Amino acid sequence: MSSFDLSEILGNPEYVSMLLLGIEMTFIVAVGSWVLAMTLALLLLGLRYAPGPVGNAFVTAYVSYHRNVPTLVQLMLWYFGIFTLMPDGLTFWLNDHNAEAIFAVIGLGLCQAAYFSEDLRSGMRAVSPGQMEAARALGHGYVSAMRYVMLPQGVRNALPALINHSVSLFKNSSLAVAIGVAELTYAVKEIENLSFRTFESYLLVTVLYLVFSLMIMAGGAYIAWKADPVRSGRA
């Protein structure tokens, strides 16, 4: 039985290059998904607070779908289902521009938007209604009051949940391997197939995901600390 030897992977320039490319693609998918998710979450939040029942009903249905269907199934629906129904011209363009990564960003972003929107909604509900009344009394319109008074406080209240779901999004980027995205998990599987170092390969990817997740949590904790005027000494 061969002994543990991580140097066979880390000492091989080809394997290291594969790892670095996998890490790069993981962050491309994760960051792209996060930007899409947060943008959609803010739009969904606006629909929640829009006059009339239509917006709220749409958001409720959107959140229910994306929170109750497994993320992996959603990714497969986008890549193996919706992708095949697109016009040939668009299909060719997507294939020339890494369709797997694009649909991973879309699938993960749409799914995570449901969680982010609920985090923001909870944060907004924690803001005293008197804040809106005070803002309107000072001359703010509805949009201005939401932008400058309510939303900043709501986002600050939602930061712990947003940080946790951001870490979850980063980890869920590994699901993109199911549709052929050459991210970190994909790279490690290829390295394991070439090196026959199964334990070392998956130990390495475990440590990498752990380190990156802890870095995201630490960065989020710093942002939350800076956003709190009491804890950061700005009160």
C-alpha atoms as a PDB file:
ATOM      1  CA  MET A   1       0.000   0.000   0.000  1.00  0.00           C
ATOM      2  CA  SER A   2       1.432   3.373  -0.988  1.00  0.00           C
ATOM      3  CA  SER A   3       2.155   5.866   1.776  1.00  0.00           C
ATOM      4  CA  PHE A   4       0.700   9.338   2.078  1.00  0.00           C
ATOM      5  CA  ASP A   5       2.568  11.695  -0.243  1.00  0.00           C
ATOM      6  CA  LEU A   6       1.045  15.088  -1.004  1.00  0.00           C
ATOM      7  CA  SER A   7       4.225  16.165  -2.781  1.00  0.00           C
ATOM      8  CA  GLU A   8       3.302  14.032  -5.785  1.00  0.00           C
ATOM      9  CA  ILE A   9       0.501  16.514  -6.419  1.00  0.00           C
ATOM     10  CA  LEU A  10       1.940  19.796  -5.172  1.00  0.00           C
ATOM     11  CA  GLY A  11       5.336  18.998  -6.682  1.00  0.00           C
ATOM     12  CA  ASN A  12       3.915  18.437 -10.138  1.00  0.00           C
ATOM     13  CA  PRO A  13       3.649  21.674 -12.163  1.00  0.00           C
ATOM     14  CA  GLU A  14       0.857  20.252 -14.338  1.00  0.00           C
ATOM     15  CA  TYR A  15      -1.282  19.384 -11.323  1.00  0.00           C
ATOM     16  CA  VAL A  16      -0.607  22.728  -9.664  1.00  0.00           C
ATOM     17  CA  SER A  17      -1.639  24.509 -12.870  1.00  0.00           C
ATOM     18  CA  MET A  18      -4.860  22.475 -12.948  1.00  0.00           C
ATOM     19  CA  LEU A  19      -5.556  23.405  -9.331  1.00  0.00           C
ATOM     20  CA  LEU A  20      -4.997  27.112  -9.943  1.00  0.00           C
ATOM     21  CA  LEU A  21      -7.257  27.107 -12.991  1.00  0.00           C
ATOM     22  CA  GLY A  22      -9.888  25.264 -10.966  1.00  0.00           C
ATOM     23  CA  ILE A  23      -9.662  27.802  -8.150  1.00  0.00           C
ATOM     24  CA  GLU A  24      -9.948  30.651 -10.653  1.00  0.00           C
ATOM     25  CA  MET A  25     -13.078  29.148 -12.219  1.00  0.00           C
ATOM     26  CA  THR A  26     -14.587  28.487  -8.794  1.00  0.00           C
ATOM     27  CA  PHE A  27     -14.279  32.164  -7.875  1.00  0.00           C
ATOM     28  CA  ILE A  28     -15.563  33.279 -11.294  1.00  0.00           C
ATOM     29  CA  VAL A  29     -18.694  31.172 -10.801  1.00  0.00           C
ATOM     30  CA  ALA A  30     -19.097  32.127  -7.144  1.00  0.00           C
ATOM     31  CA  VAL A  31     -18.597  35.874  -7.627  1.00  0.00           C
ATOM     32  CA  GLY A  32     -20.714  35.994 -10.776  1.00  0.00           C
ATOM     33  CA  SER A  33     -23.500  34.100  -9.029  1.00  0.00           C
ATOM     34  CA  TRP A  34     -23.275  36.354  -5.973  1.00  0.00           C
ATOM     35  CA  VAL A  35     -23.564  39.541  -8.043  1.00  0.00           C
ATOM     36  CA  LEU A  36     -26.544  38.157  -9.962  1.00  0.00           C
ATOM     37  CA  ALA A  37     -28.177  36.885  -6.770  1.00  0.00           C
ATOM     38  CA  MET A  38     -27.802  40.164  -4.879  1.00  0.00           C
ATOM     39  CA  THR A  39     -29.058  42.214  -7.826  1.00  0.00           C
ATOM     40  CA  LEU A  40     -32.129  40.015  -8.179  1.00  0.00           C
ATOM     41  CA  ALA A  41     -32.661  39.964  -4.413  1.00  0.00           C
ATOM     42  CA  LEU A  42     -32.896  43.756  -4.319  1.00  0.00           C
ATOM     43  CA  LEU A  43     -35.372  43.678  -7.206  1.00  0.00           C
ATOM     44  CA  LEU A  44     -37.419  41.011  -5.440  1.00  0.00           C
ATOM     45  CA  LEU A  45     -37.368  43.069  -2.261  1.00  0.00           C
ATOM     46  CA  GLY A  46     -38.687  46.048  -4.215  1.00  0.00           C
ATOM     47  CA  LEU A  47     -41.501  43.898  -5.592  1.00  0.00           C
ATOM     48  CA  ARG A  48     -42.323  42.756  -2.072  1.00  0.00           C
ATOM     49  CA  TYR A  49     -42.914  46.330  -1.006  1.00  0.00           C
ATOM     50  CA  ALA A  50     -44.592  47.457  -4.229  1.00  0.00           C
ATOM     51  CA  PRO A  51     -48.267  48.459  -3.998  1.00  0.00           C
ATOM     52  CA  GLY A  52     -50.780  45.768  -4.882  1.00  0.00           C
ATOM     53  CA  PRO A  53     -50.770  41.983  -4.394  1.00  0.00           C
ATOM     54  CA  VAL A  54     -49.184  40.963  -7.726  1.00  0.00           C
ATOM     55  CA  GLY A  55     -45.566  41.705  -6.815  1.00  0.00           C
ATOM     56  CA  ASN A  56     -45.771  39.974  -3.454  1.00  0.00           C
ATOM     57  CA  ALA A  57     -47.453  36.920  -5.001  1.00  0.00           C
ATOM     58  CA  PHE A  58     -44.757  36.677  -7.687  1.00  0.00           C
ATOM     59  CA  VAL A  59     -41.935  36.874  -5.125  1.00  0.00           C
ATOM     60  CA  THR A  60     -43.638  34.291  -2.903  1.00  0.00           C
ATOM     61  CA  ALA A  61     -43.871  31.866  -5.826  1.00  0.00           C
ATOM     62  CA  TYR A  62     -40.275  32.591  -6.883  1.00  0.00           C
ATOM     63  CA  VAL A  63     -38.915  31.986  -3.383  1.00  0.00           C
ATOM     64  CA  SER A  64     -40.994  28.835  -2.892  1.00  0.00           C
ATOM     65  CA  TYR A  65     -39.703  27.302  -6.129  1.00  0.00           C
ATOM     66  CA  HIS A  66     -36.043  28.061  -5.603  1.00  0.00           C
ATOM     67  CA  ARG A  67     -35.997  27.079  -1.927  1.00  0.00           C
ATOM     68  CA  ASN A  68     -37.817  23.762  -2.412  1.00  0.00           C
ATOM     69  CA  VAL A  69     -36.169  22.416  -5.566  1.00  0.00           C
ATOM     70  CA  PRO A  70     -32.610  21.095  -5.067  1.00  0.00           C
ATOM     71  CA  THR A  71     -29.956  23.410  -6.450  1.00  0.00           C
ATOM     72  CA  LEU A  72     -28.391  20.566  -8.433  1.00  0.00           C
ATOM     73  CA  VAL A  73     -31.711  19.877 -10.154  1.00  0.00           C
ATOM     74  CA  GLN A  74     -32.049  23.564 -11.047  1.00  0.00           C
ATOM     75  CA  LEU A  75     -28.579  23.565 -12.598  1.00  0.00           C
ATOM     76  CA  MET A  76     -29.410  20.475 -14.628  1.00  0.00           C
ATOM     77  CA  LEU A  77     -32.709  21.997 -15.774  1.00  0.00           C
ATOM     78  CA  TRP A  78     -30.877  25.049 -17.080  1.00  0.00           C
ATOM     79  CA  TYR A  79     -28.031  23.211 -18.800  1.00  0.00           C
ATOM     80  CA  PHE A  80     -29.629  19.978 -20.004  1.00  0.00           C
ATOM     81  CA  GLY A  81     -33.139  21.383 -20.464  1.00  0.00           C
ATOM     82  CA  ILE A  82     -33.507  25.087 -21.189  1.00  0.00           C
ATOM     83  CA  PHE A  83     -30.182  25.275 -23.033  1.00  0.00           C
ATOM     84  CA  THR A  84     -31.357  22.705 -25.596  1.00  0.00           C
ATOM     85  CA  LEU A  85     -34.491  24.757 -26.360  1.00  0.00           C
ATOM     86  CA  MET A  86     -32.588  27.910 -27.291  1.00  0.00           C
ATOM     87  CA  PRO A  87     -32.108  29.077 -30.906  1.00  0.00           C
ATOM     88  CA  ASP A  88     -29.108  27.645 -32.727  1.00  0.00           C
ATOM     89  CA  GLY A  89     -27.384  31.018 -33.032  1.00  0.00           C
ATOM     90  CA  LEU A  90     -27.558  31.626 -29.293  1.00  0.00           C
ATOM     91  CA  THR A  91     -26.504  28.048 -28.581  1.00  0.00           C
ATOM     92  CA  PHE A  92     -23.408  28.392 -30.773  1.00  0.00           C
ATOM     93  CA  TRP A  93     -22.505  31.689 -29.084  1.00  0.00           C
ATOM     94  CA  LEU A  94     -22.872  30.202 -25.613  1.00  0.00           C
ATOM     95  CA  ASN A  95     -20.783  27.164 -26.563  1.00  0.00           C
ATOM     96  CA  ASP A  96     -18.030  29.516 -27.740  1.00  0.00           C
ATOM     97  CA  HIS A  97     -18.123  31.415 -24.427  1.00  0.00           C
ATOM     98  CA  ASN A  98     -18.065  28.585 -21.851  1.00  0.00           C
ATOM     99  CA  ALA A  99     -21.777  27.753 -21.723  1.00  0.00           C
ATOM    100  CA  GLU A 100     -21.261  25.518 -18.688  1.00  0.00           C
ATOM    101  CA  ALA A 101     -19.925  28.370 -16.566  1.00  0.00           C
ATOM    102  CA  ILE A 102     -22.590  30.790 -17.809  1.00  0.00           C
ATOM    103  CA  PHE A 103     -25.429  28.439 -16.886  1.00  0.00           C
ATOM    104  CA  ALA A 104     -23.798  27.673 -13.556  1.00  0.00           C
ATOM    105  CA  VAL A 105     -23.787  31.402 -12.771  1.00  0.00           C
ATOM    106  CA  ILE A 106     -27.404  31.731 -13.903  1.00  0.00           C
ATOM    107  CA  GLY A 107     -28.632  28.677 -12.027  1.00  0.00           C
ATOM    108  CA  LEU A 108     -26.798  29.415  -8.794  1.00  0.00           C
ATOM    109  CA  GLY A 109     -27.570  33.131  -8.958  1.00  0.00           C
ATOM    110  CA  LEU A 110     -31.301  32.645  -9.485  1.00  0.00           C
ATOM    111  CA  CYS A 111     -31.456  30.105  -6.696  1.00  0.00           C
ATOM    112  CA  GLN A 112     -29.451  32.145  -4.201  1.00  0.00           C
ATOM    113  CA  ALA A 113     -31.476  35.280  -4.957  1.00  0.00           C
ATOM    114  CA  ALA A 114     -34.420  33.645  -3.193  1.00  0.00           C
ATOM    115  CA  TYR A 115     -32.376  33.249  -0.003  1.00  0.00           C
ATOM    116  CA  PHE A 116     -30.847  36.717  -0.193  1.00  0.00           C
ATOM    117  CA  SER A 117     -34.240  38.327  -0.741  1.00  0.00           C
ATOM    118  CA  GLU A 118     -35.640  36.638   2.362  1.00  0.00           C
ATOM    119  CA  ASP A 119     -32.579  37.713   4.363  1.00  0.00           C
ATOM    120  CA  LEU A 120     -33.111  41.307   3.249  1.00  0.00           C
ATOM    121  CA  ARG A 121     -36.816  41.064   3.972  1.00  0.00           C
ATOM    122  CA  SER A 122     -36.090  39.906   7.516  1.00  0.00           C
ATOM    123  CA  GLY A 123     -33.598  42.728   7.938  1.00  0.00           C
ATOM    124  CA  MET A 124     -36.141  45.277   6.736  1.00  0.00           C
ATOM    125  CA  ARG A 125     -38.794  43.942   9.089  1.00  0.00           C
ATOM    126  CA  ALA A 126     -36.416  44.552  11.993  1.00  0.00           C
ATOM    127  CA  VAL A 127     -36.309  48.282  11.169  1.00  0.00           C
ATOM    128  CA  SER A 128     -38.793  50.307  13.161  1.00  0.00           C
ATOM    129  CA  PRO A 129     -41.737  51.587  11.049  1.00  0.00           C
ATOM    130  CA  GLY A 130     -41.143  54.939  12.716  1.00  0.00           C
ATOM    131  CA  GLN A 131     -37.993  55.289  10.618  1.00  0.00           C
ATOM    132  CA  MET A 132     -40.062  55.499   7.445  1.00  0.00           C
ATOM    133  CA  GLU A 133     -42.474  57.965   9.046  1.00  0.00           C
ATOM    134  CA  ALA A 134     -39.581  60.139  10.220  1.00  0.00           C
ATOM    135  CA  ALA A 135     -37.977  60.077   6.774  1.00  0.00           C
ATOM    136  CA  ARG A 136     -41.225  61.086   5.105  1.00  0.00           C
ATOM    137  CA  ALA A 137     -41.667  63.865   7.665  1.00  0.00           C
ATOM    138  CA  LEU A 138     -38.232  65.190   6.721  1.00  0.00           C
ATOM    139  CA  GLY A 139     -39.269  65.457   3.088  1.00  0.00           C
ATOM    140  CA  HIS A 140     -38.104  62.157   1.634  1.00  0.00           C
ATOM    141  CA  GLY A 141     -40.296  60.491  -0.958  1.00  0.00           C
ATOM    142  CA  TYR A 142     -40.981  56.762  -0.760  1.00  0.00           C
ATOM    143  CA  VAL A 143     -38.077  55.764  -3.009  1.00  0.00           C
ATOM    144  CA  SER A 144     -35.679  58.185  -1.337  1.00  0.00           C
ATOM    145  CA  ALA A 145     -36.690  57.009   2.150  1.00  0.00           C
ATOM    146  CA  MET A 146     -36.188  53.377   1.158  1.00  0.00           C
ATOM    147  CA  ARG A 147     -32.809  54.079  -0.438  1.00  0.00           C
ATOM    148  CA  TYR A 148     -31.243  56.328   2.191  1.00  0.00           C
ATOM    149  CA  VAL A 149     -33.012  55.346   5.428  1.00  0.00           C
ATOM    150  CA  MET A 150     -34.690  51.949   5.388  1.00  0.00           C
ATOM    151  CA  LEU A 151     -32.513  49.854   3.095  1.00  0.00           C
ATOM    152  CA  PRO A 152     -29.132  50.679   4.712  1.00  0.00           C
ATOM    153  CA  GLN A 153     -30.514  49.680   8.115  1.00  0.00           C
ATOM    154  CA  GLY A 154     -32.183  46.583   6.680  1.00  0.00           C
ATOM    155  CA  VAL A 155     -28.980  45.439   4.975  1.00  0.00           C
ATOM    156  CA  ARG A 156     -27.023  45.961   8.196  1.00  0.00           C
ATOM    157  CA  ASN A 157     -29.556  43.861  10.102  1.00  0.00           C
ATOM    158  CA  ALA A 158     -29.391  41.146   7.440  1.00  0.00           C
ATOM    159  CA  LEU A 159     -25.590  40.949   7.251  1.00  0.00           C
ATOM    160  CA  PRO A 160     -25.135  37.814   9.427  1.00  0.00           C
ATOM    161  CA  ALA A 161     -27.624  35.845   7.325  1.00  0.00           C
ATOM    162  CA  LEU A 162     -26.242  37.257   4.067  1.00  0.00           C
ATOM    163  CA  ILE A 163     -22.721  36.239   5.067  1.00  0.00           C
ATOM    164  CA  ASN A 164     -23.825  32.695   5.916  1.00  0.00           C
ATOM    165  CA  HIS A 165     -25.649  32.336   2.614  1.00  0.00           C
ATOM    166  CA  SER A 166     -22.666  33.801   0.747  1.00  0.00           C
ATOM    167  CA  VAL A 167     -20.506  31.028   2.189  1.00  0.00           C
ATOM    168  CA  SER A 168     -23.173  28.500   1.182  1.00  0.00           C
ATOM    169  CA  LEU A 169     -23.137  29.921  -2.338  1.00  0.00           C
ATOM    170  CA  PHE A 170     -19.379  29.541  -2.535  1.00  0.00           C
ATOM    171  CA  LYS A 171     -19.611  25.909  -1.425  1.00  0.00           C
ATOM    172  CA  ASN A 172     -22.502  25.228  -3.808  1.00  0.00           C
ATOM    173  CA  SER A 173     -20.297  26.325  -6.693  1.00  0.00           C
ATOM    174  CA  SER A 174     -18.885  22.790  -6.482  1.00  0.00           C
ATOM    175  CA  LEU A 175     -22.238  21.532  -7.828  1.00  0.00           C
ATOM    176  CA  ALA A 176     -21.278  23.059 -11.173  1.00  0.00           C
ATOM    177  CA  VAL A 177     -19.063  20.017 -11.731  1.00  0.00           C
ATOM    178  CA  ALA A 178     -22.281  18.128 -12.596  1.00  0.00           C
ATOM    179  CA  ILE A 179     -22.705  20.195 -15.773  1.00  0.00           C
ATOM    180  CA  GLY A 180     -19.035  20.094 -16.750  1.00  0.00           C
ATOM    181  CA  VAL A 181     -17.673  23.336 -15.303  1.00  0.00           C
ATOM    182  CA  ALA A 182     -13.908  22.999 -14.831  1.00  0.00           C
ATOM    183  CA  GLU A 183     -13.921  24.414 -11.302  1.00  0.00           C
ATOM    184  CA  LEU A 184     -11.959  23.216  -8.262  1.00  0.00           C
ATOM    185  CA  THR A 185     -13.822  19.942  -7.684  1.00  0.00           C
ATOM    186  CA  TYR A 186     -13.547  19.089 -11.378  1.00  0.00           C
ATOM    187  CA  ALA A 187      -9.813  19.832 -11.336  1.00  0.00           C
ATOM    188  CA  VAL A 188      -9.241  17.632  -8.303  1.00  0.00           C
ATOM    189  CA  LYS A 189     -11.165  14.748  -9.886  1.00  0.00           C
ATOM    190  CA  GLU A 190      -8.916  15.030 -12.940  1.00  0.00           C
ATOM    191  CA  ILE A 191      -5.802  15.128 -10.754  1.00  0.00           C
ATOM    192  CA  GLU A 192      -6.979  12.055  -8.848  1.00  0.00           C
ATOM    193  CA  ASN A 193      -7.564  10.189 -12.115  1.00  0.00           C
ATOM    194  CA  LEU A 194      -4.079  11.043 -13.353  1.00  0.00           C
ATOM    195  CA  SER A 195      -2.111  10.617 -10.123  1.00  0.00           C
ATOM    196  CA  PHE A 196      -4.068   7.761  -8.475  1.00  0.00           C
ATOM    197  CA  ARG A 197      -3.640   9.704  -5.224  1.00  0.00           C
ATOM    198  CA  THR A 198      -7.265   9.573  -4.103  1.00  0.00           C
ATOM    199  CA  PHE A 199      -6.866  10.453  -0.418  1.00  0.00           C
ATOM    200  CA  GLU A 200      -4.342  13.203  -1.035  1.00  0.00           C
ATOM    201  CA  SER A 201      -6.473  14.747  -3.801  1.00  0.00           C
ATOM    202  CA  TYR A 202      -9.666  14.945  -1.795  1.00  0.00           C
ATOM    203  CA  LEU A 203      -7.867  15.973   1.372  1.00  0.00           C
ATOM    204  CA  LEU A 204      -6.349  18.855  -0.561  1.00  0.00           C
ATOM    205  CA  VAL A 205      -9.673  20.034  -1.981  1.00  0.00           C
ATOM    206  CA  THR A 206     -11.259  19.738   1.475  1.00  0.00           C
ATOM    207  CA  VAL A 207      -8.589  21.976   2.981  1.00  0.00           C
ATOM    208  CA  LEU A 208      -8.881  24.484   0.131  1.00  0.00           C
ATOM    209  CA  TYR A 209     -12.654  24.794   0.487  1.00  0.00           C
ATOM    210  CA  LEU A 210     -12.284  25.122   4.251  1.00  0.00           C
ATOM    211  CA  VAL A 211      -9.656  27.859   3.952  1.00  0.00           C
ATOM    212  CA  PHE A 212     -11.608  29.840   1.355  1.00  0.00           C
ATOM    213  CA  SER A 213     -14.858  29.530   3.324  1.00  0.00           C
ATOM    214  CA  LEU A 214     -13.166  30.741   6.494  1.00  0.00           C
ATOM    215  CA  MET A 215     -11.673  33.663   4.565  1.00  0.00           C
ATOM    216  CA  ILE A 216     -15.131  34.643   3.300  1.00  0.00           C
ATOM    217  CA  MET A 217     -16.541  34.379   6.831  1.00  0.00           C
ATOM    218  CA  ALA A 218     -13.705  36.506   8.203  1.00  0.00           C
ATOM    219  CA  GLY A 219     -14.217  39.131   5.512  1.00  0.00           C
ATOM    220  CA  GLY A 220     -17.936  39.151   6.190  1.00  0.00           C
ATOM    221  CA  ALA A 221     -17.374  39.502   9.920  1.00  0.00           C
ATOM    222  CA  TYR A 222     -15.118  42.491   9.291  1.00  0.00           C
ATOM    223  CA  ILE A 223     -17.742  44.117   7.060  1.00  0.00           C
ATOM    224  CA  ALA A 224     -20.409  43.509   9.719  1.00  0.00           C
ATOM    225  CA  TRP A 225     -18.137  45.044  12.364  1.00  0.00           C
ATOM    226  CA  LYS A 226     -17.477  48.125  10.223  1.00  0.00           C
ATOM    227  CA  ALA A 227     -21.190  48.487   9.477  1.00  0.00           C
ATOM    228  CA  ASP A 228     -22.091  48.520  13.181  1.00  0.00           C
ATOM    229  CA  PRO A 229     -21.496  52.074  14.466  1.00  0.00           C
ATOM    230  CA  VAL A 230     -21.503  50.930  18.111  1.00  0.00           C
ATOM    231  CA  ARG A 231     -19.031  48.087  17.787  1.00  0.00           C
ATOM    232  CA  SER A 232     -16.720  50.016  15.446  1.00  0.00           C
ATOM    233  CA  GLY A 233     -16.678  53.064  17.733  1.00  0.00           C
ATOM    234  CA  ARG A 234     -18.440  55.404  15.303  1.00  0.00           C
ATOM    235  CA  ALA A 235     -21.550  55.886  17.437  1.00  0.00           C
END
